[in-house]
Amino acid sequence: MHIEPGIVNGAKIALSYVTAAGAATYAAKETFSTLRANGPASFVMRSVLATVGVFLFFEVLPHFPVGVSEVHFILGSTLFLLLGAAPAAFGLAAGLLIQGVFFAPFDLPQYFINLTTLLVPLFALQALASRIIAPGTAYVDLKYGQALALSATYQGGVVAWVGFWAFYGQGFGAETMASVLSFGGAYMLVIVIEPIADLAVLAAAKAMRGLNSTGLVTPRLYNAAKA
C-alpha cells in the first residue's frame, strides 16, 4: 500500500499532513481511553507487539509492486482483533516509520500519505465491528462472515485511499486509472486470505485463554463488551 514516490508532489503533499493529523488525533483519543481502561503496561506491551507484527508483515511476508503502489499482507483486522484499535494504530504508525527510516528512506516523504492510508481504514473497521459484533460476543467467537466484513472494510479502505492519492496527485488520466485498477484487483487476493488468517489466529487464541490475564491482548478478545 506504499504510494509510489512521485505520485503526489509539491504543495499537494501538504494535504497528507492534514489527513494524518486527523487520524492521529482520533488515535490519541483511543489511546487515552485504552490507558484508562487497561493501564499503561498493557497498552505498551500490545503496542510493541503490534509494531513488531507490522514490521514483519511489511518486510517478511510477500509483497510486490502493482500499479501505483505495493500489495502487502497488512493484516489490519488481525491486529485489531488481537490487540485493540489504539495499539494497532500505534503499531501501524511505528512499523511504517521503522521501515522507512531503516529500509526504505525513499518512502519517508510519503509517510503521512501512507499513515493516513493505514489508519483511517482501521478506525472504519473499528466502527463496523461495534455494529456487527454483538456486545455479548467475544472476538474469539466470530464467524467467517464477520471476519470477512472486517477484512473487506480495512482492505477496501486501503485501496480507496491509494486510489484517492493517485487521482489527487496525477489526475484522472487513462494511465493512472489503469494503474489504480490493477492495484485494486491485486488487492483482492488479500481480502480472500485475511479472513482465513483472522479465524486461524482467533482459533489459536481460543485455545490459549491464559492470555486473558496477561495484558498482552485486548480484553475483548475473550470477554463481552462492557456496558
Protein backbone atom coordinates (compact mmCIF):
# COMPACT_ATOMS: atom_id res chain seq x y z
CA MET A 1 0.00 0.00 0.00
CA HIS A 2 3.02 2.32 -0.14
CA ILE A 3 2.14 5.02 -2.62
CA GLU A 4 4.97 5.19 -5.14
CA PRO A 5 7.35 8.18 -4.88
CA GLY A 6 6.40 10.93 -7.29
CA ILE A 7 2.68 10.15 -7.36
CA VAL A 8 1.91 13.12 -5.08
CA ASN A 9 4.35 16.00 -5.41
CA GLY A 10 4.95 19.56 -4.32
CA ALA A 11 2.29 21.52 -2.50
CA LYS A 12 -0.23 18.71 -2.94
CA ILE A 13 1.55 16.59 -0.37
CA ALA A 14 0.51 19.11 2.30
CA LEU A 15 -2.96 17.58 2.31
CA SER A 16 -1.47 14.42 3.81
CA TYR A 17 -0.34 16.41 6.84
CA VAL A 18 -3.95 17.37 7.49
CA THR A 19 -5.40 13.89 6.97
CA ALA A 20 -2.68 12.27 9.08
CA ALA A 21 -3.21 14.82 11.85
CA GLY A 22 -6.91 13.97 11.89
CA ALA A 23 -6.14 10.25 12.11
CA ALA A 24 -3.53 10.85 14.82
CA THR A 25 -6.00 12.92 16.86
CA TYR A 26 -8.51 10.09 16.81
CA ALA A 27 -5.74 7.60 17.64
CA ALA A 28 -4.77 9.75 20.65
CA LYS A 29 -8.39 9.71 21.85
CA GLU A 30 -8.47 5.92 21.59
CA THR A 31 -5.12 5.70 23.35
CA PHE A 32 -6.35 7.70 26.34
CA SER A 33 -9.44 5.50 26.54
CA THR A 34 -7.30 2.37 26.46
CA LEU A 35 -4.93 3.72 29.10
CA ARG A 36 -7.86 4.48 31.41
CA ALA A 37 -9.44 1.08 30.87
CA ASN A 38 -6.41 -1.21 30.85
CA GLY A 39 -3.46 0.73 32.22
CA PRO A 40 -0.16 1.77 30.63
CA ALA A 41 1.63 -1.58 30.95
CA SER A 42 -0.91 -3.43 28.81
CA PHE A 43 -1.00 -0.64 26.24
CA VAL A 44 2.79 -0.59 25.92
CA MET A 45 3.06 -4.37 25.59
CA ARG A 46 0.33 -4.54 22.96
CA SER A 47 1.79 -1.59 21.06
CA VAL A 48 5.21 -3.26 20.96
CA LEU A 49 3.64 -6.48 19.70
CA ALA A 50 1.74 -4.53 17.05
CA THR A 51 4.90 -2.72 15.93
CA VAL A 52 6.84 -5.97 15.61
CA GLY A 53 3.94 -7.54 13.76
CA VAL A 54 3.62 -4.66 11.30
CA PHE A 55 7.34 -4.67 10.61
CA LEU A 56 7.23 -8.41 9.90
CA PHE A 57 4.15 -8.01 7.71
CA PHE A 58 5.91 -5.34 5.66
CA GLU A 59 9.38 -6.85 5.42
CA VAL A 60 8.97 -10.64 5.75
CA LEU A 61 5.61 -11.54 4.22
CA PRO A 62 5.40 -11.46 0.41
CA HIS A 63 4.89 -8.02 -1.09
CA PHE A 64 5.12 -6.83 -4.66
CA PRO A 65 4.63 -3.60 -6.63
CA VAL A 66 1.45 -3.31 -8.65
CA GLY A 67 0.39 -0.13 -10.42
CA VAL A 68 0.59 2.95 -8.22
CA SER A 69 1.53 1.13 -5.02
CA GLU A 70 2.56 -2.17 -3.44
CA VAL A 71 0.44 -5.09 -2.30
CA HIS A 72 1.14 -6.10 1.31
CA PHE A 73 -0.47 -8.55 3.68
CA ILE A 74 -1.00 -5.89 6.35
CA LEU A 75 -3.44 -7.99 8.43
CA GLY A 76 -5.02 -4.88 9.91
CA SER A 77 -8.13 -6.70 11.08
CA THR A 78 -5.96 -9.33 12.79
CA LEU A 79 -4.10 -6.63 14.72
CA PHE A 80 -7.38 -5.02 15.72
CA LEU A 81 -9.00 -8.25 16.93
CA LEU A 82 -5.97 -9.37 18.94
CA LEU A 83 -4.63 -6.09 20.30
CA GLY A 84 -7.33 -3.44 20.03
CA ALA A 85 -7.62 -0.27 17.96
CA ALA A 86 -5.18 2.00 19.80
CA PRO A 87 -2.24 -0.45 19.99
CA ALA A 88 -2.88 -1.48 16.37
CA ALA A 89 -2.78 2.19 15.31
CA PHE A 90 0.47 2.75 17.20
CA GLY A 91 1.98 -0.36 15.66
CA LEU A 92 0.99 0.65 12.14
CA ALA A 93 2.48 4.12 12.59
CA ALA A 94 5.67 2.91 14.27
CA GLY A 95 6.21 -0.07 11.96
CA LEU A 96 5.76 2.12 8.91
CA LEU A 97 8.25 4.65 10.29
CA ILE A 98 10.85 2.00 11.16
CA GLN A 99 10.59 0.54 7.68
CA GLY A 100 11.03 3.98 6.14
CA VAL A 101 13.98 5.02 8.28
CA PHE A 102 15.98 1.80 8.03
CA PHE A 103 14.89 0.06 4.85
CA ALA A 104 13.04 2.42 2.51
CA PRO A 105 14.10 6.06 3.06
CA PHE A 106 12.66 6.94 -0.34
CA ASP A 107 9.22 6.34 1.22
CA LEU A 108 9.68 8.89 4.03
CA PRO A 109 8.33 11.89 2.04
CA GLN A 110 5.13 9.87 1.61
CA TYR A 111 4.97 8.86 5.28
CA PHE A 112 1.86 10.88 6.12
CA ILE A 113 0.14 9.72 2.95
CA ASN A 114 0.78 6.10 3.88
CA LEU A 115 -0.08 6.71 7.52
CA THR A 116 -3.49 8.06 6.53
CA THR A 117 -3.99 5.11 4.21
CA LEU A 118 -3.36 2.68 7.08
CA LEU A 119 -5.09 4.37 10.00
CA VAL A 120 -8.36 5.69 8.59
CA PRO A 121 -9.47 2.21 7.40
CA LEU A 122 -8.52 0.83 10.82
CA PHE A 123 -10.93 3.21 12.52
CA ALA A 124 -13.61 2.42 9.93
CA LEU A 125 -13.09 -1.26 10.80
CA GLN A 126 -13.49 -0.40 14.48
CA ALA A 127 -16.77 1.38 13.80
CA LEU A 128 -18.07 -1.56 11.78
CA ALA A 129 -17.05 -4.03 14.49
CA SER A 130 -19.21 -2.16 17.02
CA ARG A 131 -22.18 -2.60 14.69
CA ILE A 132 -21.87 -6.21 13.51
CA ILE A 133 -20.43 -7.87 16.63
CA ALA A 134 -22.95 -8.21 19.44
CA PRO A 135 -21.81 -6.81 22.81
CA GLY A 136 -22.05 -10.28 24.32
CA THR A 137 -19.76 -11.84 21.71
CA ALA A 138 -16.03 -12.21 22.38
CA TYR A 139 -13.79 -11.82 19.35
CA VAL A 140 -12.64 -15.45 19.59
CA ASP A 141 -16.23 -16.46 18.76
CA LEU A 142 -16.51 -14.52 15.49
CA LYS A 143 -17.97 -16.19 12.41
CA TYR A 144 -16.43 -16.19 8.95
CA GLY A 145 -18.91 -13.64 7.63
CA GLN A 146 -17.99 -11.19 10.36
CA ALA A 147 -14.25 -11.67 9.77
CA LEU A 148 -14.79 -11.20 6.05
CA ALA A 149 -16.72 -7.97 6.60
CA LEU A 150 -13.98 -6.57 8.84
CA SER A 151 -11.20 -7.54 6.45
CA ALA A 152 -13.05 -6.20 3.42
CA THR A 153 -13.65 -2.91 5.21
CA TYR A 154 -9.99 -2.50 6.08
CA GLN A 155 -8.51 -3.60 2.78
CA GLY A 156 -11.21 -1.80 0.80
CA GLY A 157 -10.36 1.35 2.73
CA VAL A 158 -6.68 0.94 1.88
CA VAL A 159 -7.50 0.56 -1.81
CA ALA A 160 -9.83 3.57 -1.71
CA TRP A 161 -7.20 5.79 -0.12
CA VAL A 162 -4.50 4.66 -2.54
CA GLY A 163 -6.87 5.47 -5.39
CA PHE A 164 -7.63 8.87 -3.88
CA TRP A 165 -3.95 9.79 -3.57
CA ALA A 166 -3.22 8.59 -7.09
CA PHE A 167 -6.04 10.58 -8.68
CA TYR A 168 -5.35 13.60 -6.45
CA GLY A 169 -1.69 13.59 -7.42
CA GLN A 170 -1.87 12.57 -11.08
CA GLY A 171 -5.38 13.35 -12.27
CA PHE A 172 -7.88 11.03 -13.94
CA GLY A 173 -5.82 10.05 -16.98
CA ALA A 174 -6.09 6.65 -18.60
CA GLU A 175 -2.68 5.53 -17.32
CA THR A 176 -3.49 6.45 -13.73
CA MET A 177 -6.88 4.79 -13.99
CA ALA A 178 -5.30 1.58 -15.28
CA SER A 179 -2.67 1.60 -12.52
CA VAL A 180 -5.27 2.09 -9.79
CA LEU A 181 -7.49 -0.66 -11.19
CA SER A 182 -4.58 -3.10 -11.42
CA PHE A 183 -3.62 -2.33 -7.84
CA GLY A 184 -7.19 -2.74 -6.61
CA GLY A 185 -7.57 -6.01 -8.49
CA ALA A 186 -4.37 -7.41 -7.00
CA TYR A 187 -5.53 -6.45 -3.52
CA MET A 188 -8.50 -8.78 -3.84
CA LEU A 189 -6.04 -11.57 -3.03
CA VAL A 190 -5.51 -10.02 0.40
CA ILE A 191 -9.26 -9.79 1.02
CA VAL A 192 -9.57 -13.51 0.23
CA ILE A 193 -6.73 -14.56 2.53
CA GLU A 194 -7.08 -12.24 5.52
CA PRO A 195 -10.43 -13.53 6.92
CA ILE A 196 -8.99 -17.04 6.91
CA ALA A 197 -5.90 -15.77 8.71
CA ASP A 198 -8.10 -13.95 11.23
CA LEU A 199 -10.12 -17.05 12.04
CA ALA A 200 -6.97 -19.19 12.30
CA VAL A 201 -5.39 -16.73 14.73
CA LEU A 202 -8.62 -16.45 16.73
CA ALA A 203 -8.88 -20.25 16.92
CA ALA A 204 -5.33 -20.40 18.26
CA ALA A 205 -6.13 -17.66 20.77
CA LYS A 206 -9.24 -19.55 21.88
CA ALA A 207 -7.02 -22.46 22.84
CA MET A 208 -4.78 -20.16 24.88
CA ARG A 209 -7.22 -18.49 27.24
CA GLY A 210 -4.44 -17.93 29.73
CA LEU A 211 -3.55 -14.87 27.68
CA ASN A 212 -6.67 -13.22 29.05
CA SER A 213 -4.90 -12.23 32.28
CA THR A 214 -1.55 -11.20 30.80
CA GLY A 215 -2.40 -7.81 29.33
CA LEU A 216 -0.88 -8.92 26.02
CA VAL A 217 -4.22 -8.95 24.18
CA THR A 218 -7.29 -6.74 24.12
CA PRO A 219 -9.78 -7.76 26.85
CA ARG A 220 -12.48 -8.03 24.20
CA LEU A 221 -10.67 -10.99 22.65
CA TYR A 222 -12.08 -13.25 25.39
CA ASN A 223 -14.75 -11.16 27.06
CA ALA A 224 -18.05 -9.47 26.29
CA ALA A 225 -18.01 -5.71 25.88
CA LYS A 226 -18.68 -3.67 29.00
CA ALA A 227 -21.95 -1.78 29.08
